[in-house]
Amino acid sequence: MASHLETNLGLLQELINKDPESYKEEFLGEYKFYIKTIQLMKLQPSLNHADLQSLLELINFLAATSSHYPKEGKEYAANIMEILNSRLTGLDPQIRVAFCKALITLRNRRIIDSLAVIDLFFTLILCEDKNLSEKRGIFILFFDYLTFDIFPVLIDGFRKGFLRDAKTANALAECCLHKISRIQVC
């Protein structure tokens, strides 16, 4: 049965969640496999698609089950943070996203401190990634469309008196200098 569990991380995760102590050896085996895969990745950064998918599944598995094993969970979190800090731009974007999701899961399960995760995420903002740049462009375009529709609502709400707070006032001040004449408030 152990050989079947090694290939089916979802089943192993379910069994660990039901009875953590009985499946500690299987968890440690997967954790050791993760450590060896990361060491290999440091030596040879490019992974083929199959290896990448198995690593992503393993990252998610360890994040979901490491709360049952606090010592290994803390080691796992420290390992992820060390990798993200030291290899900021050299990581595959999918692995970087999987590590970030794992850190969020670990933080939600109180294995890692929130401030450490936030500090790391602010460091990740500096990461130049082509996909992130494209998404920023889409976000800016979406924000322009959104502001085109929302500013008239803010103006009307302010005039009627039910939106009279500091955030609304700041948004209306921004309207005064907006490039679209329909939104400009004089």
N, C-alpha and C. Protein backbone atom coordinates (compact mmCIF):
# COMPACT_ATOMS: atom_id res chain seq x y z
N MET A 1 0.82 -1.20 0.00
CA MET A 1 0.00 0.00 0.00
C MET A 1 0.86 1.26 0.00
N ALA A 2 2.05 1.19 0.58
CA ALA A 2 2.90 2.36 0.65
C ALA A 2 3.32 2.83 -0.73
N SER A 3 3.57 1.90 -1.66
CA SER A 3 3.97 2.31 -3.00
C SER A 3 2.83 3.02 -3.71
N HIS A 4 1.58 2.61 -3.44
CA HIS A 4 0.43 3.29 -4.03
C HIS A 4 0.28 4.70 -3.44
N LEU A 5 0.54 4.83 -2.14
CA LEU A 5 0.41 6.14 -1.50
C LEU A 5 1.46 7.12 -2.00
N GLU A 6 2.64 6.61 -2.34
CA GLU A 6 3.70 7.49 -2.80
C GLU A 6 3.31 8.18 -4.10
N THR A 7 2.53 7.53 -4.93
CA THR A 7 2.15 8.13 -6.20
C THR A 7 0.85 8.93 -6.09
N ASN A 8 0.08 8.74 -5.03
CA ASN A 8 -1.19 9.43 -4.87
C ASN A 8 -1.13 10.33 -3.64
N LEU A 9 -0.65 11.54 -3.83
CA LEU A 9 -0.48 12.46 -2.70
C LEU A 9 -1.82 12.89 -2.12
N GLY A 10 -2.86 12.95 -2.93
CA GLY A 10 -4.17 13.33 -2.42
C GLY A 10 -4.70 12.34 -1.41
N LEU A 11 -4.54 11.04 -1.71
CA LEU A 11 -4.98 10.00 -0.78
C LEU A 11 -4.13 10.03 0.49
N LEU A 12 -2.83 10.20 0.32
CA LEU A 12 -1.95 10.27 1.49
C LEU A 12 -2.30 11.48 2.35
N GLN A 13 -2.62 12.59 1.72
CA GLN A 13 -3.01 13.79 2.47
C GLN A 13 -4.27 13.52 3.30
N GLU A 14 -5.22 12.86 2.70
CA GLU A 14 -6.46 12.54 3.41
C GLU A 14 -6.19 11.62 4.60
N LEU A 15 -5.33 10.62 4.39
CA LEU A 15 -5.00 9.70 5.48
C LEU A 15 -4.22 10.39 6.59
N ILE A 16 -3.32 11.28 6.23
CA ILE A 16 -2.55 12.02 7.24
C ILE A 16 -3.48 12.91 8.05
N ASN A 17 -4.44 13.56 7.38
CA ASN A 17 -5.37 14.42 8.11
C ASN A 17 -6.22 13.61 9.09
N LYS A 18 -6.51 12.35 8.76
CA LYS A 18 -7.31 11.52 9.67
C LYS A 18 -6.48 10.97 10.82
N ASP A 19 -5.25 10.53 10.53
CA ASP A 19 -4.41 9.89 11.55
C ASP A 19 -2.95 10.26 11.32
N PRO A 20 -2.52 11.43 11.80
CA PRO A 20 -1.17 11.92 11.50
C PRO A 20 -0.04 11.02 12.00
N GLU A 21 -0.18 10.45 13.19
CA GLU A 21 0.91 9.66 13.75
C GLU A 21 1.16 8.36 12.98
N SER A 22 0.12 7.76 12.46
CA SER A 22 0.29 6.50 11.73
C SER A 22 1.01 6.69 10.40
N TYR A 23 0.93 7.88 9.84
CA TYR A 23 1.51 8.11 8.51
C TYR A 23 2.69 9.08 8.55
N LYS A 24 3.32 9.18 9.73
CA LYS A 24 4.45 10.10 9.85
C LYS A 24 5.62 9.67 8.96
N GLU A 25 5.89 8.38 8.88
CA GLU A 25 7.00 7.89 8.04
C GLU A 25 6.78 8.22 6.57
N GLU A 26 5.54 8.08 6.10
CA GLU A 26 5.24 8.42 4.71
C GLU A 26 5.42 9.91 4.46
N PHE A 27 4.99 10.72 5.44
CA PHE A 27 5.17 12.17 5.32
C PHE A 27 6.66 12.51 5.26
N LEU A 28 7.44 11.91 6.17
CA LEU A 28 8.88 12.18 6.19
C LEU A 28 9.54 11.74 4.89
N GLY A 29 9.07 10.65 4.31
CA GLY A 29 9.60 10.20 3.02
C GLY A 29 9.33 11.23 1.93
N GLU A 30 8.12 11.77 1.89
CA GLU A 30 7.79 12.81 0.91
C GLU A 30 8.58 14.08 1.18
N TYR A 31 8.77 14.41 2.46
CA TYR A 31 9.53 15.60 2.81
C TYR A 31 11.00 15.46 2.37
N LYS A 32 11.58 14.28 2.59
CA LYS A 32 12.96 14.04 2.14
C LYS A 32 13.06 14.10 0.62
N PHE A 33 12.05 13.58 -0.06
CA PHE A 33 12.02 13.65 -1.52
C PHE A 33 11.96 15.11 -1.98
N TYR A 34 11.19 15.93 -1.28
CA TYR A 34 11.11 17.36 -1.59
C TYR A 34 12.48 18.02 -1.42
N ILE A 35 13.16 17.72 -0.31
CA ILE A 35 14.48 18.30 -0.06
C ILE A 35 15.45 17.91 -1.17
N LYS A 36 15.44 16.66 -1.58
CA LYS A 36 16.34 16.21 -2.66
C LYS A 36 15.98 16.87 -3.99
N THR A 37 14.70 17.05 -4.24
CA THR A 37 14.27 17.71 -5.48
C THR A 37 14.72 19.16 -5.50
N ILE A 38 14.62 19.84 -4.37
CA ILE A 38 15.05 21.24 -4.27
C ILE A 38 16.56 21.34 -4.46
N GLN A 39 17.31 20.41 -3.87
CA GLN A 39 18.77 20.41 -4.06
C GLN A 39 19.12 20.20 -5.53
N LEU A 40 18.40 19.31 -6.19
CA LEU A 40 18.61 19.08 -7.61
C LEU A 40 18.24 20.33 -8.42
N MET A 41 17.17 20.99 -8.02
CA MET A 41 16.74 22.20 -8.72
C MET A 41 17.77 23.32 -8.59
N LYS A 42 18.46 23.37 -7.45
CA LYS A 42 19.50 24.38 -7.27
C LYS A 42 20.68 24.13 -8.21
N LEU A 43 20.98 22.85 -8.45
CA LEU A 43 22.07 22.51 -9.36
C LEU A 43 21.66 22.64 -10.82
N GLN A 44 20.43 22.28 -11.12
CA GLN A 44 19.92 22.31 -12.49
C GLN A 44 18.57 23.02 -12.48
N PRO A 45 18.56 24.35 -12.68
CA PRO A 45 17.34 25.13 -12.51
C PRO A 45 16.19 24.78 -13.46
N SER A 46 16.49 24.29 -14.65
CA SER A 46 15.40 24.02 -15.59
C SER A 46 14.85 22.61 -15.36
N LEU A 47 13.54 22.54 -15.11
CA LEU A 47 12.87 21.26 -14.92
C LEU A 47 11.97 20.99 -16.11
N ASN A 48 11.83 19.72 -16.49
CA ASN A 48 10.88 19.43 -17.55
C ASN A 48 9.47 19.49 -16.97
N HIS A 49 8.47 19.43 -17.84
CA HIS A 49 7.09 19.65 -17.43
C HIS A 49 6.61 18.62 -16.40
N ALA A 50 6.97 17.36 -16.58
CA ALA A 50 6.53 16.32 -15.65
C ALA A 50 7.12 16.52 -14.26
N ASP A 51 8.42 16.85 -14.22
CA ASP A 51 9.06 17.12 -12.93
C ASP A 51 8.47 18.36 -12.27
N LEU A 52 8.15 19.36 -13.07
CA LEU A 52 7.57 20.59 -12.54
C LEU A 52 6.20 20.31 -11.92
N GLN A 53 5.37 19.54 -12.61
CA GLN A 53 4.04 19.23 -12.08
C GLN A 53 4.13 18.42 -10.79
N SER A 54 5.04 17.46 -10.74
CA SER A 54 5.17 16.66 -9.51
C SER A 54 5.70 17.52 -8.36
N LEU A 55 6.60 18.46 -8.66
CA LEU A 55 7.09 19.35 -7.61
C LEU A 55 5.97 20.26 -7.11
N LEU A 56 5.15 20.78 -8.01
CA LEU A 56 4.04 21.64 -7.59
C LEU A 56 3.06 20.87 -6.71
N GLU A 57 2.76 19.63 -7.07
CA GLU A 57 1.88 18.80 -6.25
C GLU A 57 2.50 18.53 -4.88
N LEU A 58 3.79 18.29 -4.86
CA LEU A 58 4.49 18.02 -3.61
C LEU A 58 4.50 19.25 -2.71
N ILE A 59 4.70 20.42 -3.28
CA ILE A 59 4.68 21.67 -2.51
C ILE A 59 3.31 21.85 -1.86
N ASN A 60 2.25 21.65 -2.62
CA ASN A 60 0.89 21.78 -2.08
C ASN A 60 0.62 20.73 -1.00
N PHE A 61 1.06 19.50 -1.24
CA PHE A 61 0.86 18.43 -0.26
C PHE A 61 1.54 18.76 1.06
N LEU A 62 2.80 19.18 1.00
CA LEU A 62 3.53 19.48 2.23
C LEU A 62 2.92 20.67 2.97
N ALA A 63 2.45 21.66 2.23
CA ALA A 63 1.82 22.81 2.88
C ALA A 63 0.54 22.40 3.60
N ALA A 64 -0.20 21.49 2.99
CA ALA A 64 -1.48 21.07 3.57
C ALA A 64 -1.32 20.13 4.75
N THR A 65 -0.24 19.37 4.80
CA THR A 65 -0.10 18.36 5.85
C THR A 65 0.94 18.70 6.91
N SER A 66 1.77 19.69 6.70
CA SER A 66 2.85 19.95 7.66
C SER A 66 2.36 20.52 8.98
N SER A 67 1.10 20.93 9.05
CA SER A 67 0.58 21.42 10.34
C SER A 67 0.48 20.28 11.36
N HIS A 68 0.46 19.04 10.90
CA HIS A 68 0.40 17.90 11.81
C HIS A 68 1.77 17.57 12.40
N TYR A 69 2.82 18.10 11.79
CA TYR A 69 4.19 17.85 12.22
C TYR A 69 4.89 19.20 12.37
N PRO A 70 4.78 19.84 13.53
CA PRO A 70 5.25 21.23 13.69
C PRO A 70 6.74 21.43 13.39
N LYS A 71 7.59 20.49 13.79
CA LYS A 71 9.03 20.66 13.55
C LYS A 71 9.31 20.70 12.05
N GLU A 72 8.77 19.74 11.32
CA GLU A 72 8.99 19.69 9.88
C GLU A 72 8.29 20.86 9.18
N GLY A 73 7.15 21.27 9.72
CA GLY A 73 6.42 22.40 9.15
C GLY A 73 7.23 23.69 9.22
N LYS A 74 7.88 23.91 10.37
CA LYS A 74 8.71 25.11 10.51
C LYS A 74 9.93 25.04 9.59
N GLU A 75 10.53 23.85 9.48
CA GLU A 75 11.66 23.67 8.56
C GLU A 75 11.23 23.94 7.12
N TYR A 76 10.07 23.42 6.76
CA TYR A 76 9.53 23.59 5.41
C TYR A 76 9.29 25.07 5.10
N ALA A 77 8.69 25.78 6.04
CA ALA A 77 8.43 27.21 5.85
C ALA A 77 9.74 27.99 5.72
N ALA A 78 10.71 27.67 6.58
CA ALA A 78 12.01 28.34 6.51
C ALA A 78 12.70 28.05 5.18
N ASN A 79 12.57 26.82 4.70
CA ASN A 79 13.17 26.43 3.42
C ASN A 79 12.55 27.22 2.27
N ILE A 80 11.24 27.34 2.27
CA ILE A 80 10.56 28.11 1.22
C ILE A 80 11.01 29.56 1.25
N MET A 81 11.05 30.15 2.44
CA MET A 81 11.44 31.56 2.54
C MET A 81 12.88 31.76 2.10
N GLU A 82 13.75 30.83 2.44
CA GLU A 82 15.15 30.93 2.03
C GLU A 82 15.27 30.85 0.52
N ILE A 83 14.53 29.95 -0.09
CA ILE A 83 14.58 29.80 -1.55
C ILE A 83 14.06 31.06 -2.23
N LEU A 84 12.93 31.58 -1.76
CA LEU A 84 12.36 32.78 -2.38
C LEU A 84 13.26 33.99 -2.19
N ASN A 85 13.92 34.10 -1.04
CA ASN A 85 14.83 35.23 -0.80
C ASN A 85 16.10 35.13 -1.63
N SER A 86 16.65 33.92 -1.74
CA SER A 86 17.95 33.79 -2.41
C SER A 86 17.84 33.68 -3.93
N ARG A 87 16.75 33.11 -4.42
CA ARG A 87 16.61 32.90 -5.87
C ARG A 87 15.39 33.63 -6.39
N LEU A 88 15.33 34.89 -6.11
CA LEU A 88 14.15 35.69 -6.41
C LEU A 88 13.78 35.64 -7.89
N THR A 89 14.74 35.90 -8.76
CA THR A 89 14.43 35.96 -10.18
C THR A 89 14.74 34.66 -10.92
N GLY A 90 15.50 33.76 -10.33
CA GLY A 90 15.89 32.55 -11.02
C GLY A 90 14.86 31.43 -10.98
N LEU A 91 13.81 31.61 -10.21
CA LEU A 91 12.80 30.56 -10.08
C LEU A 91 11.79 30.59 -11.21
N ASP A 92 11.29 29.43 -11.56
CA ASP A 92 10.19 29.34 -12.51
C ASP A 92 8.97 30.04 -11.89
N PRO A 93 8.24 30.83 -12.66
CA PRO A 93 7.09 31.56 -12.10
C PRO A 93 6.04 30.65 -11.46
N GLN A 94 5.83 29.46 -12.01
CA GLN A 94 4.85 28.55 -11.42
C GLN A 94 5.30 28.06 -10.05
N ILE A 95 6.59 27.81 -9.91
CA ILE A 95 7.12 27.38 -8.62
C ILE A 95 7.03 28.52 -7.62
N ARG A 96 7.34 29.74 -8.06
CA ARG A 96 7.25 30.90 -7.18
C ARG A 96 5.82 31.07 -6.67
N VAL A 97 4.84 30.94 -7.55
CA VAL A 97 3.44 31.06 -7.14
C VAL A 97 3.06 29.94 -6.18
N ALA A 98 3.51 28.72 -6.46
CA ALA A 98 3.21 27.58 -5.58
C ALA A 98 3.82 27.79 -4.20
N PHE A 99 5.04 28.32 -4.15
CA PHE A 99 5.67 28.61 -2.86
C PHE A 99 4.88 29.69 -2.11
N CYS A 100 4.42 30.71 -2.81
CA CYS A 100 3.64 31.76 -2.16
C CYS A 100 2.32 31.22 -1.61
N LYS A 101 1.66 30.37 -2.38
CA LYS A 101 0.42 29.75 -1.90
C LYS A 101 0.70 28.87 -0.68
N ALA A 102 1.82 28.16 -0.72
CA ALA A 102 2.19 27.31 0.42
C ALA A 102 2.45 28.16 1.66
N LEU A 103 3.12 29.30 1.48
CA LEU A 103 3.36 30.18 2.62
C LEU A 103 2.06 30.71 3.20
N ILE A 104 1.12 31.03 2.34
CA ILE A 104 -0.18 31.51 2.83
C ILE A 104 -0.88 30.40 3.61
N THR A 105 -0.83 29.18 3.10
CA THR A 105 -1.43 28.06 3.82
C THR A 105 -0.76 27.85 5.17
N LEU A 106 0.57 27.91 5.19
CA LEU A 106 1.30 27.73 6.44
C LEU A 106 1.00 28.86 7.42
N ARG A 107 0.84 30.06 6.91
CA ARG A 107 0.49 31.17 7.78
C ARG A 107 -0.92 31.00 8.34
N ASN A 108 -1.84 30.55 7.52
CA ASN A 108 -3.21 30.33 7.99
C ASN A 108 -3.28 29.24 9.06
N ARG A 109 -2.34 28.32 9.02
CA ARG A 109 -2.31 27.24 10.03
C ARG A 109 -1.37 27.58 11.18
N ARG A 110 -0.93 28.83 11.23
CA ARG A 110 -0.11 29.37 12.31
C ARG A 110 1.24 28.65 12.49
N ILE A 111 1.81 28.22 11.39
CA ILE A 111 3.13 27.60 11.43
C ILE A 111 4.21 28.66 11.25
N ILE A 112 3.87 29.72 10.55
CA ILE A 112 4.83 30.79 10.26
C ILE A 112 4.20 32.12 10.65
N ASP A 113 5.04 33.07 11.01
CA ASP A 113 4.59 34.38 11.44
C ASP A 113 4.10 35.21 10.25
N SER A 114 3.02 35.94 10.46
CA SER A 114 2.44 36.76 9.39
C SER A 114 3.40 37.84 8.92
N LEU A 115 4.11 38.46 9.84
CA LEU A 115 5.01 39.56 9.46
C LEU A 115 6.14 39.08 8.55
N ALA A 116 6.63 37.89 8.81
CA ALA A 116 7.69 37.35 7.95
C ALA A 116 7.18 37.12 6.53
N VAL A 117 5.95 36.63 6.42
CA VAL A 117 5.36 36.38 5.10
C VAL A 117 5.12 37.70 4.37
N ILE A 118 4.58 38.68 5.08
CA ILE A 118 4.32 39.99 4.46
C ILE A 118 5.62 40.63 4.01
N ASP A 119 6.65 40.55 4.85
CA ASP A 119 7.95 41.11 4.48
C ASP A 119 8.50 40.45 3.22
N LEU A 120 8.38 39.14 3.14
CA LEU A 120 8.83 38.42 1.95
C LEU A 120 8.02 38.81 0.72
N PHE A 121 6.71 38.97 0.88
CA PHE A 121 5.88 39.33 -0.26
C PHE A 121 6.21 40.73 -0.77
N PHE A 122 6.58 41.64 0.13
CA PHE A 122 7.00 42.96 -0.34
C PHE A 122 8.32 42.86 -1.11
N THR A 123 9.17 41.94 -0.72
CA THR A 123 10.40 41.70 -1.48
C THR A 123 10.07 41.15 -2.87
N LEU A 124 9.07 40.30 -2.94
CA LEU A 124 8.69 39.69 -4.22
C LEU A 124 8.09 40.70 -5.20
N ILE A 125 7.62 41.82 -4.69
CA ILE A 125 7.09 42.86 -5.58
C ILE A 125 8.17 43.34 -6.54
N LEU A 126 9.41 43.34 -6.09
CA LEU A 126 10.52 43.80 -6.92
C LEU A 126 10.86 42.83 -8.05
N CYS A 127 10.34 41.64 -7.99
CA CYS A 127 10.64 40.62 -8.98
C CYS A 127 10.07 41.02 -10.34
N GLU A 128 10.93 41.09 -11.33
CA GLU A 128 10.50 41.41 -12.69
C GLU A 128 10.13 40.11 -13.39
N ASP A 129 8.88 39.96 -13.67
CA ASP A 129 8.37 38.75 -14.30
C ASP A 129 7.50 39.17 -15.47
N LYS A 130 7.70 38.56 -16.62
CA LYS A 130 6.95 38.93 -17.81
C LYS A 130 5.45 38.77 -17.60
N ASN A 131 5.05 37.65 -17.00
CA ASN A 131 3.62 37.42 -16.74
C ASN A 131 3.06 38.47 -15.80
N LEU A 132 3.83 38.83 -14.77
CA LEU A 132 3.36 39.86 -13.84
C LEU A 132 3.22 41.20 -14.54
N SER A 133 4.16 41.51 -15.42
CA SER A 133 4.08 42.78 -16.15
C SER A 133 2.84 42.83 -17.03
N GLU A 134 2.54 41.71 -17.70
CA GLU A 134 1.34 41.67 -18.52
C GLU A 134 0.09 41.82 -17.67
N LYS A 135 0.08 41.19 -16.51
CA LYS A 135 -1.08 41.29 -15.62
C LYS A 135 -1.22 42.70 -15.08
N ARG A 136 -0.09 43.37 -14.82
CA ARG A 136 -0.18 44.76 -14.36
C ARG A 136 -0.81 45.64 -15.43
N GLY A 137 -0.45 45.40 -16.69
CA GLY A 137 -1.04 46.17 -17.78
C GLY A 137 -2.53 45.94 -17.87
N ILE A 138 -2.95 44.70 -17.72
CA ILE A 138 -4.38 44.39 -17.73
C ILE A 138 -5.06 45.03 -16.54
N PHE A 139 -4.40 45.00 -15.38
CA PHE A 139 -4.98 45.61 -14.19
C PHE A 139 -5.15 47.12 -14.37
N ILE A 140 -4.17 47.78 -14.96
CA ILE A 140 -4.27 49.23 -15.19
C ILE A 140 -5.42 49.54 -16.14
N LEU A 141 -5.54 48.76 -17.19
CA LEU A 141 -6.65 48.94 -18.13
C LEU A 141 -7.99 48.72 -17.43
N PHE A 142 -8.09 47.66 -16.63
CA PHE A 142 -9.32 47.38 -15.89
C PHE A 142 -9.62 48.51 -14.91
N PHE A 143 -8.58 49.02 -14.24
CA PHE A 143 -8.77 50.11 -13.28
C PHE A 143 -9.29 51.36 -13.98
N ASP A 144 -8.78 51.65 -15.19
CA ASP A 144 -9.28 52.81 -15.93
C ASP A 144 -10.76 52.67 -16.26
N TYR A 145 -11.16 51.48 -16.70
CA TYR A 145 -12.59 51.25 -16.98
C TYR A 145 -13.42 51.36 -15.71
N LEU A 146 -12.89 50.85 -14.62
CA LEU A 146 -13.61 50.89 -13.36
C LEU A 146 -13.77 52.33 -12.87
N THR A 147 -12.71 53.12 -12.96
CA THR A 147 -12.81 54.50 -12.49
C THR A 147 -13.75 55.31 -13.36
N PHE A 148 -13.81 54.97 -14.64
CA PHE A 148 -14.73 55.67 -15.53
C PHE A 148 -16.17 55.51 -15.06
N ASP A 149 -16.50 54.35 -14.52
CA ASP A 149 -17.86 54.09 -14.04
C ASP A 149 -18.08 54.48 -12.59
N ILE A 150 -17.07 54.39 -11.75
CA ILE A 150 -17.28 54.57 -10.31
C ILE A 150 -17.22 56.04 -9.88
N PHE A 151 -16.44 56.86 -10.55
CA PHE A 151 -16.33 58.25 -10.10
C PHE A 151 -17.65 59.01 -10.18
N PRO A 152 -18.44 58.85 -11.23
CA PRO A 152 -19.76 59.53 -11.21
C PRO A 152 -20.64 59.08 -10.04
N VAL A 153 -20.52 57.83 -9.64
CA VAL A 153 -21.27 57.35 -8.48
C VAL A 153 -20.77 58.03 -7.21
N LEU A 154 -19.45 58.16 -7.06
CA LEU A 154 -18.89 58.84 -5.90
C LEU A 154 -19.33 60.30 -5.85
N ILE A 155 -19.29 60.97 -6.99
CA ILE A 155 -19.70 62.38 -7.04
C ILE A 155 -21.15 62.53 -6.63
N ASP A 156 -22.00 61.69 -7.16
CA ASP A 156 -23.42 61.75 -6.84
C ASP A 156 -23.66 61.45 -5.36
N GLY A 157 -22.97 60.45 -4.83
CA GLY A 157 -23.11 60.12 -3.41
C GLY A 157 -22.61 61.22 -2.50
N PHE A 158 -21.55 61.91 -2.92
CA PHE A 158 -21.03 63.02 -2.12
C PHE A 158 -22.01 64.19 -2.14
N ARG A 159 -22.57 64.47 -3.31
CA ARG A 159 -23.53 65.57 -3.41
C ARG A 159 -24.78 65.31 -2.58
N LYS A 160 -25.22 64.06 -2.52
CA LYS A 160 -26.43 63.71 -1.77
C LYS A 160 -26.16 63.56 -0.28
N GLY A 161 -24.88 63.49 0.10
CA GLY A 161 -24.52 63.51 1.51
C GLY A 161 -24.33 62.17 2.19
N PHE A 162 -24.45 61.06 1.49
CA PHE A 162 -24.26 59.79 2.17
C PHE A 162 -22.86 59.21 2.00
N LEU A 163 -22.02 59.83 1.21
CA LEU A 163 -20.61 59.44 1.10
C LEU A 163 -19.74 60.64 1.46
N ARG A 164 -19.61 60.90 2.73
CA ARG A 164 -18.83 62.05 3.19
C ARG A 164 -17.73 61.61 4.15
N ASP A 165 -16.84 60.77 3.66
CA ASP A 165 -15.71 60.35 4.49
C ASP A 165 -14.41 60.75 3.79
N ALA A 166 -13.29 60.48 4.46
CA ALA A 166 -11.98 60.91 3.94
C ALA A 166 -11.62 60.20 2.64
N LYS A 167 -11.94 58.92 2.53
CA LYS A 167 -11.59 58.18 1.32
C LYS A 167 -12.34 58.72 0.11
N THR A 168 -13.60 59.05 0.31
CA THR A 168 -14.39 59.61 -0.79
C THR A 168 -13.84 60.97 -1.19
N ALA A 169 -13.49 61.78 -0.20
CA ALA A 169 -12.93 63.10 -0.49
C ALA A 169 -11.63 62.97 -1.28
N ASN A 170 -10.78 62.03 -0.90
CA ASN A 170 -9.53 61.82 -1.64
C ASN A 170 -9.79 61.34 -3.07
N ALA A 171 -10.76 60.47 -3.23
CA ALA A 171 -11.11 59.99 -4.57
C ALA A 171 -11.65 61.12 -5.43
N LEU A 172 -12.45 61.99 -4.83
CA LEU A 172 -12.99 63.14 -5.58
C LEU A 172 -11.89 64.14 -5.93
N ALA A 173 -10.92 64.29 -5.05
CA ALA A 173 -9.78 65.16 -5.36
C ALA A 173 -9.01 64.61 -6.56
N GLU A 174 -8.94 63.30 -6.64
CA GLU A 174 -8.29 62.67 -7.78
C GLU A 174 -9.09 62.90 -9.06
N CYS A 175 -10.41 63.00 -8.91
CA CYS A 175 -11.28 63.25 -10.07
C CYS A 175 -10.97 64.60 -10.72
N CYS A 176 -10.61 65.57 -9.90
CA CYS A 176 -10.36 66.91 -10.43
C CYS A 176 -9.26 66.92 -11.49
N LEU A 177 -8.31 66.02 -11.36
CA LEU A 177 -7.17 65.99 -12.28
C LEU A 177 -7.25 64.83 -13.26
N HIS A 178 -8.40 64.20 -13.37
CA HIS A 178 -8.53 63.03 -14.24
C HIS A 178 -8.45 63.44 -15.71
N LYS A 179 -7.92 62.54 -16.56
CA LYS A 179 -7.72 62.86 -17.98
C LYS A 179 -9.01 62.80 -18.79
N ILE A 180 -10.05 62.16 -18.28
CA ILE A 180 -11.34 62.07 -18.98
C ILE A 180 -12.23 63.21 -18.51
N SER A 181 -12.68 64.03 -19.44
CA SER A 181 -13.41 65.24 -19.06
C SER A 181 -14.75 64.93 -18.39
N ARG A 182 -15.36 63.82 -18.71
CA ARG A 182 -16.63 63.47 -18.08
C ARG A 182 -16.47 63.25 -16.57
N ILE A 183 -15.28 62.80 -16.16
CA ILE A 183 -15.03 62.51 -14.76
C ILE A 183 -14.55 63.75 -14.00
N GLN A 184 -13.94 64.71 -14.69
CA GLN A 184 -13.38 65.88 -14.02
C GLN A 184 -14.46 66.65 -13.29
N VAL A 185 -14.13 67.03 -12.06
CA VAL A 185 -15.04 67.82 -11.22
C VAL A 185 -14.44 69.21 -11.11
N CYS A 186 -15.21 70.20 -11.45
CA CYS A 186 -14.70 71.57 -11.37
C CYS A 186 -15.37 72.33 -10.25
